[in-house]
Amino acid sequence: MKMLFPKGAAEASLIRQPGRWWLAAGLLIVALGGSAAGAWADDDESWQSLHEAVRDGRIVPLPEVLDWLEAHYEGQVLEVELDSEDGERRYEIEMLGPQGQLVEFEFDAATGELVGIEGVNIEGMRRQ
């Protein structure tokens, strides 16, 4: 599943729903504080590097990924991690579904492409 975002989609979404910006920022802080990406959050230089990667288009902004996820799946985001393995960055997003199912979505942070889903009753979360 390839995700393509029109230029300015994240900004428009943040204007429509300003609370989402704070959610995205908070989740990203949690992600950077996590064990997988904790090394990035160790100093100011790492934060600057992450912001530059988003600004330069090397990483898809988190609000764009969250907007896509919300449009295609029902549930509440519980946790977001930005993981880096073998030079590839991944957003790992845990959601709680409407029937209490826990599902993890994995997105390529460079392209925004959904690359994996793990969990139970995933179809029960899919929007019609």
N, C-alpha and C. Protein backbone atom coordinates (compact mmCIF):
# COMPACT_ATOMS: atom_id res chain seq x y z
N MET A 1 0.84 -1.17 0.00
CA MET A 1 0.00 0.00 0.00
C MET A 1 0.88 1.23 0.00
N LYS A 2 0.86 1.99 -1.05
CA LYS A 2 1.68 3.20 -1.16
C LYS A 2 0.83 4.41 -0.79
N MET A 3 1.38 5.29 0.02
CA MET A 3 0.66 6.50 0.42
C MET A 3 1.30 7.69 -0.26
N LEU A 4 0.49 8.48 -0.91
CA LEU A 4 0.98 9.71 -1.51
C LEU A 4 0.22 10.86 -0.89
N PHE A 5 0.92 11.87 -0.49
CA PHE A 5 0.30 13.00 0.18
C PHE A 5 0.46 14.25 -0.67
N PRO A 6 -0.62 15.00 -0.89
CA PRO A 6 -0.47 16.26 -1.60
C PRO A 6 0.33 17.25 -0.76
N LYS A 7 1.07 18.09 -1.44
CA LYS A 7 1.87 19.09 -0.72
C LYS A 7 0.95 19.95 0.13
N GLY A 8 1.34 20.13 1.39
CA GLY A 8 0.54 20.96 2.29
C GLY A 8 -0.53 20.19 3.04
N ALA A 9 -0.66 18.88 2.82
CA ALA A 9 -1.71 18.11 3.50
C ALA A 9 -1.54 18.13 5.00
N ALA A 10 -0.32 18.01 5.47
CA ALA A 10 -0.09 18.01 6.92
C ALA A 10 -0.45 19.35 7.53
N GLU A 11 -0.05 20.43 6.85
CA GLU A 11 -0.34 21.75 7.38
C GLU A 11 -1.84 21.99 7.44
N ALA A 12 -2.57 21.61 6.38
CA ALA A 12 -4.02 21.79 6.36
C ALA A 12 -4.68 20.99 7.46
N SER A 13 -4.20 19.77 7.68
CA SER A 13 -4.77 18.94 8.73
C SER A 13 -4.54 19.55 10.10
N LEU A 14 -3.36 20.11 10.32
CA LEU A 14 -3.04 20.69 11.61
C LEU A 14 -3.86 21.94 11.87
N ILE A 15 -4.17 22.67 10.79
CA ILE A 15 -5.00 23.86 10.95
C ILE A 15 -6.42 23.46 11.30
N ARG A 16 -6.96 22.43 10.64
CA ARG A 16 -8.32 21.96 10.90
C ARG A 16 -8.44 21.40 12.31
N GLN A 17 -7.43 20.69 12.77
CA GLN A 17 -7.47 20.02 14.06
C GLN A 17 -6.20 20.37 14.83
N PRO A 18 -6.13 21.55 15.44
CA PRO A 18 -4.89 21.96 16.10
C PRO A 18 -4.47 21.02 17.23
N GLY A 19 -5.40 20.34 17.86
CA GLY A 19 -5.05 19.40 18.92
C GLY A 19 -4.22 18.24 18.42
N ARG A 20 -4.37 17.91 17.13
CA ARG A 20 -3.60 16.80 16.56
C ARG A 20 -2.11 17.12 16.56
N TRP A 21 -1.75 18.41 16.39
CA TRP A 21 -0.34 18.78 16.39
C TRP A 21 0.27 18.42 17.73
N TRP A 22 -0.43 18.76 18.80
CA TRP A 22 0.09 18.46 20.14
C TRP A 22 0.17 16.96 20.36
N LEU A 23 -0.84 16.22 19.86
CA LEU A 23 -0.80 14.76 19.97
C LEU A 23 0.41 14.22 19.22
N ALA A 24 0.59 14.69 17.97
CA ALA A 24 1.72 14.22 17.17
C ALA A 24 3.05 14.56 17.84
N ALA A 25 3.17 15.77 18.34
CA ALA A 25 4.41 16.17 19.01
C ALA A 25 4.65 15.33 20.25
N GLY A 26 3.62 15.11 21.03
CA GLY A 26 3.75 14.30 22.24
C GLY A 26 4.12 12.87 21.93
N LEU A 27 3.47 12.31 20.89
CA LEU A 27 3.77 10.93 20.52
C LEU A 27 5.20 10.81 19.99
N LEU A 28 5.64 11.81 19.26
CA LEU A 28 7.01 11.77 18.76
C LEU A 28 8.01 11.87 19.90
N ILE A 29 7.70 12.66 20.90
CA ILE A 29 8.57 12.75 22.07
C ILE A 29 8.64 11.40 22.77
N VAL A 30 7.48 10.74 22.89
CA VAL A 30 7.46 9.39 23.48
C VAL A 30 8.29 8.45 22.63
N ALA A 31 8.13 8.57 21.30
CA ALA A 31 8.87 7.69 20.41
C ALA A 31 10.38 7.89 20.57
N LEU A 32 10.80 9.12 20.64
CA LEU A 32 12.23 9.38 20.75
C LEU A 32 12.77 9.01 22.12
N GLY A 33 11.92 8.95 23.10
CA GLY A 33 12.34 8.55 24.43
C GLY A 33 12.37 7.04 24.58
N GLY A 34 11.80 6.32 23.60
CA GLY A 34 11.74 4.86 23.65
C GLY A 34 13.10 4.25 23.47
N SER A 35 13.21 2.99 23.79
CA SER A 35 14.51 2.32 23.75
C SER A 35 15.06 2.23 22.34
N ALA A 36 14.22 2.01 21.33
CA ALA A 36 14.71 1.83 19.97
C ALA A 36 15.30 3.11 19.41
N ALA A 37 14.69 4.24 19.72
CA ALA A 37 15.16 5.50 19.15
C ALA A 37 15.73 6.43 20.21
N GLY A 38 15.91 5.94 21.40
CA GLY A 38 16.37 6.77 22.50
C GLY A 38 17.69 7.45 22.22
N ALA A 39 18.54 6.81 21.44
CA ALA A 39 19.83 7.40 21.14
C ALA A 39 19.68 8.72 20.39
N TRP A 40 18.62 8.86 19.61
CA TRP A 40 18.40 10.10 18.87
C TRP A 40 18.08 11.25 19.82
N ALA A 41 17.48 10.97 20.93
CA ALA A 41 17.00 12.02 21.82
C ALA A 41 18.03 12.41 22.86
N ASP A 42 19.24 11.90 22.75
CA ASP A 42 20.24 12.13 23.77
C ASP A 42 20.77 13.56 23.81
N ASP A 43 20.74 14.26 22.69
CA ASP A 43 21.27 15.62 22.70
C ASP A 43 20.54 16.50 21.69
N ASP A 44 20.82 17.79 21.79
CA ASP A 44 20.16 18.76 20.91
C ASP A 44 20.49 18.50 19.44
N GLU A 45 21.69 18.06 19.17
CA GLU A 45 22.10 17.80 17.79
C GLU A 45 21.21 16.73 17.16
N SER A 46 20.85 15.71 17.93
CA SER A 46 19.98 14.66 17.42
C SER A 46 18.60 15.20 17.09
N TRP A 47 18.07 16.07 17.95
CA TRP A 47 16.77 16.69 17.68
C TRP A 47 16.84 17.50 16.40
N GLN A 48 17.91 18.27 16.24
CA GLN A 48 18.07 19.08 15.04
C GLN A 48 18.14 18.20 13.81
N SER A 49 18.83 17.11 13.91
CA SER A 49 18.95 16.17 12.80
C SER A 49 17.58 15.62 12.40
N LEU A 50 16.77 15.28 13.38
CA LEU A 50 15.44 14.76 13.10
C LEU A 50 14.57 15.82 12.44
N HIS A 51 14.59 17.04 12.96
CA HIS A 51 13.81 18.13 12.37
C HIS A 51 14.26 18.41 10.93
N GLU A 52 15.57 18.37 10.70
CA GLU A 52 16.09 18.58 9.34
C GLU A 52 15.62 17.48 8.41
N ALA A 53 15.59 16.25 8.88
CA ALA A 53 15.15 15.13 8.04
C ALA A 53 13.69 15.31 7.62
N VAL A 54 12.85 15.78 8.53
CA VAL A 54 11.44 16.04 8.20
C VAL A 54 11.36 17.21 7.23
N ARG A 55 12.05 18.29 7.54
CA ARG A 55 12.01 19.49 6.70
C ARG A 55 12.53 19.21 5.29
N ASP A 56 13.57 18.39 5.17
CA ASP A 56 14.18 18.09 3.88
C ASP A 56 13.44 17.00 3.11
N GLY A 57 12.40 16.44 3.72
CA GLY A 57 11.61 15.42 3.04
C GLY A 57 12.18 14.02 3.12
N ARG A 58 13.17 13.82 3.97
CA ARG A 58 13.73 12.47 4.14
C ARG A 58 12.87 11.62 5.05
N ILE A 59 12.01 12.26 5.86
CA ILE A 59 11.06 11.57 6.73
C ILE A 59 9.70 12.22 6.52
N VAL A 60 8.68 11.39 6.35
CA VAL A 60 7.31 11.89 6.22
C VAL A 60 6.88 12.41 7.59
N PRO A 61 6.27 13.60 7.66
CA PRO A 61 5.82 14.12 8.95
C PRO A 61 4.80 13.18 9.61
N LEU A 62 4.94 12.98 10.90
CA LEU A 62 4.05 12.09 11.64
C LEU A 62 2.58 12.43 11.46
N PRO A 63 2.16 13.70 11.46
CA PRO A 63 0.72 13.98 11.28
C PRO A 63 0.15 13.43 9.98
N GLU A 64 0.96 13.37 8.92
CA GLU A 64 0.47 12.81 7.66
C GLU A 64 0.19 11.32 7.81
N VAL A 65 1.07 10.61 8.49
CA VAL A 65 0.87 9.18 8.71
C VAL A 65 -0.36 8.96 9.59
N LEU A 66 -0.50 9.75 10.65
CA LEU A 66 -1.65 9.62 11.54
C LEU A 66 -2.96 9.94 10.82
N ASP A 67 -2.95 10.94 9.93
CA ASP A 67 -4.16 11.25 9.15
C ASP A 67 -4.56 10.08 8.27
N TRP A 68 -3.58 9.47 7.60
CA TRP A 68 -3.87 8.32 6.75
C TRP A 68 -4.44 7.17 7.57
N LEU A 69 -3.81 6.90 8.70
CA LEU A 69 -4.25 5.81 9.57
C LEU A 69 -5.68 6.04 10.06
N GLU A 70 -5.97 7.26 10.48
CA GLU A 70 -7.31 7.59 10.96
C GLU A 70 -8.36 7.46 9.85
N ALA A 71 -7.98 7.77 8.62
CA ALA A 71 -8.91 7.67 7.48
C ALA A 71 -9.22 6.23 7.11
N HIS A 72 -8.31 5.30 7.42
CA HIS A 72 -8.48 3.92 6.98
C HIS A 72 -8.79 2.92 8.10
N TYR A 73 -8.54 3.28 9.35
CA TYR A 73 -8.75 2.36 10.47
C TYR A 73 -9.38 3.09 11.64
N GLU A 74 -10.29 2.39 12.33
CA GLU A 74 -10.90 2.92 13.55
C GLU A 74 -10.03 2.53 14.73
N GLY A 75 -9.93 3.41 15.70
CA GLY A 75 -9.18 3.08 16.90
C GLY A 75 -8.53 4.30 17.50
N GLN A 76 -7.87 4.06 18.62
CA GLN A 76 -7.19 5.12 19.35
C GLN A 76 -5.70 4.82 19.36
N VAL A 77 -4.90 5.80 18.98
CA VAL A 77 -3.45 5.64 18.99
C VAL A 77 -2.97 5.61 20.44
N LEU A 78 -2.23 4.57 20.77
CA LEU A 78 -1.70 4.43 22.12
C LEU A 78 -0.23 4.83 22.21
N GLU A 79 0.52 4.49 21.17
CA GLU A 79 1.97 4.72 21.23
C GLU A 79 2.52 4.86 19.82
N VAL A 80 3.51 5.72 19.67
CA VAL A 80 4.22 5.87 18.40
C VAL A 80 5.71 5.79 18.70
N GLU A 81 6.41 5.02 17.90
CA GLU A 81 7.87 4.96 18.01
C GLU A 81 8.47 5.24 16.64
N LEU A 82 9.57 5.94 16.62
CA LEU A 82 10.36 6.11 15.41
C LEU A 82 11.59 5.24 15.60
N ASP A 83 11.61 4.13 14.89
CA ASP A 83 12.65 3.13 15.06
C ASP A 83 13.64 3.25 13.90
N SER A 84 14.89 3.00 14.17
CA SER A 84 15.91 3.04 13.13
C SER A 84 16.72 1.75 13.20
N GLU A 85 16.61 0.95 12.14
CA GLU A 85 17.37 -0.31 12.07
C GLU A 85 18.00 -0.42 10.70
N ASP A 86 19.26 -0.76 10.65
CA ASP A 86 19.97 -0.94 9.39
C ASP A 86 19.80 0.25 8.46
N GLY A 87 19.78 1.45 9.03
CA GLY A 87 19.67 2.66 8.22
C GLY A 87 18.27 3.00 7.74
N GLU A 88 17.29 2.16 8.05
CA GLU A 88 15.90 2.43 7.65
C GLU A 88 15.12 2.89 8.87
N ARG A 89 14.37 3.97 8.68
CA ARG A 89 13.54 4.49 9.78
C ARG A 89 12.10 4.04 9.58
N ARG A 90 11.48 3.62 10.67
CA ARG A 90 10.09 3.14 10.64
C ARG A 90 9.29 3.80 11.75
N TYR A 91 8.06 4.19 11.40
CA TYR A 91 7.09 4.58 12.42
C TYR A 91 6.37 3.30 12.83
N GLU A 92 6.38 3.00 14.11
CA GLU A 92 5.61 1.88 14.65
C GLU A 92 4.51 2.49 15.50
N ILE A 93 3.26 2.25 15.10
CA ILE A 93 2.12 2.89 15.74
C ILE A 93 1.20 1.81 16.30
N GLU A 94 1.00 1.85 17.61
CA GLU A 94 0.09 0.92 18.29
C GLU A 94 -1.27 1.57 18.42
N MET A 95 -2.32 0.81 18.02
CA MET A 95 -3.69 1.32 18.14
C MET A 95 -4.54 0.33 18.90
N LEU A 96 -5.50 0.87 19.64
CA LEU A 96 -6.52 0.08 20.32
C LEU A 96 -7.78 0.17 19.48
N GLY A 97 -8.27 -0.99 19.01
CA GLY A 97 -9.44 -1.02 18.15
C GLY A 97 -10.74 -0.95 18.91
N PRO A 98 -11.87 -0.80 18.18
CA PRO A 98 -13.18 -0.64 18.81
C PRO A 98 -13.63 -1.85 19.61
N GLN A 99 -13.12 -3.04 19.29
CA GLN A 99 -13.47 -4.24 20.07
C GLN A 99 -12.37 -4.60 21.07
N GLY A 100 -11.48 -3.65 21.34
CA GLY A 100 -10.43 -3.88 22.32
C GLY A 100 -9.19 -4.54 21.76
N GLN A 101 -9.13 -4.73 20.45
CA GLN A 101 -7.96 -5.37 19.85
C GLN A 101 -6.78 -4.41 19.82
N LEU A 102 -5.60 -4.96 20.00
CA LEU A 102 -4.36 -4.19 19.96
C LEU A 102 -3.66 -4.51 18.64
N VAL A 103 -3.39 -3.49 17.85
CA VAL A 103 -2.80 -3.69 16.53
C VAL A 103 -1.62 -2.74 16.37
N GLU A 104 -0.53 -3.25 15.78
CA GLU A 104 0.63 -2.41 15.50
C GLU A 104 0.77 -2.24 13.99
N PHE A 105 0.87 -1.00 13.57
CA PHE A 105 1.07 -0.65 12.18
C PHE A 105 2.51 -0.18 12.02
N GLU A 106 3.15 -0.60 10.95
CA GLU A 106 4.53 -0.18 10.69
C GLU A 106 4.59 0.53 9.35
N PHE A 107 5.12 1.75 9.35
CA PHE A 107 5.23 2.58 8.16
C PHE A 107 6.68 2.89 7.87
N ASP A 108 7.05 2.87 6.60
CA ASP A 108 8.36 3.35 6.19
C ASP A 108 8.36 4.87 6.40
N ALA A 109 9.21 5.37 7.26
CA ALA A 109 9.21 6.80 7.59
C ALA A 109 9.67 7.66 6.42
N ALA A 110 10.42 7.10 5.49
CA ALA A 110 10.91 7.87 4.35
C ALA A 110 9.83 8.07 3.29
N THR A 111 8.95 7.07 3.12
CA THR A 111 7.95 7.13 2.05
C THR A 111 6.52 7.27 2.55
N GLY A 112 6.28 6.91 3.81
CA GLY A 112 4.92 6.89 4.34
C GLY A 112 4.17 5.63 3.98
N GLU A 113 4.83 4.67 3.35
CA GLU A 113 4.20 3.43 2.92
C GLU A 113 3.94 2.52 4.12
N LEU A 114 2.73 1.95 4.17
CA LEU A 114 2.41 0.95 5.18
C LEU A 114 3.13 -0.33 4.80
N VAL A 115 4.02 -0.81 5.67
CA VAL A 115 4.83 -1.98 5.33
C VAL A 115 4.50 -3.20 6.18
N GLY A 116 3.68 -3.03 7.22
CA GLY A 116 3.32 -4.18 8.04
C GLY A 116 2.22 -3.87 9.03
N ILE A 117 1.43 -4.90 9.32
CA ILE A 117 0.38 -4.81 10.34
C ILE A 117 0.42 -6.11 11.13
N GLU A 118 0.40 -5.99 12.46
CA GLU A 118 0.35 -7.16 13.33
C GLU A 118 -0.75 -6.96 14.35
N GLY A 119 -1.49 -8.03 14.63
CA GLY A 119 -2.51 -7.95 15.66
C GLY A 119 -3.66 -8.90 15.37
N VAL A 120 -4.69 -8.78 16.18
CA VAL A 120 -5.86 -9.64 16.09
C VAL A 120 -7.05 -8.83 15.59
N ASN A 121 -7.89 -9.44 14.75
CA ASN A 121 -9.11 -8.82 14.24
C ASN A 121 -8.84 -7.46 13.61
N ILE A 122 -7.84 -7.42 12.76
CA ILE A 122 -7.47 -6.18 12.07
C ILE A 122 -8.61 -5.70 11.18
N GLU A 123 -9.29 -6.64 10.52
CA GLU A 123 -10.40 -6.27 9.64
C GLU A 123 -11.51 -5.57 10.41
N GLY A 124 -11.65 -5.85 11.70
CA GLY A 124 -12.66 -5.20 12.53
C GLY A 124 -12.37 -3.72 12.76
N MET A 125 -11.16 -3.29 12.42
CA MET A 125 -10.78 -1.89 12.58
C MET A 125 -10.85 -1.11 11.27
N ARG A 126 -10.92 -1.85 10.16
CA ARG A 126 -10.88 -1.19 8.84
C ARG A 126 -12.16 -0.39 8.61
N ARG A 127 -11.98 0.86 8.18
CA ARG A 127 -13.14 1.71 7.86
C ARG A 127 -13.72 1.29 6.52
N GLN A 128 -15.02 1.43 6.39
CA GLN A 128 -15.71 1.04 5.14
C GLN A 128 -15.57 2.08 4.09
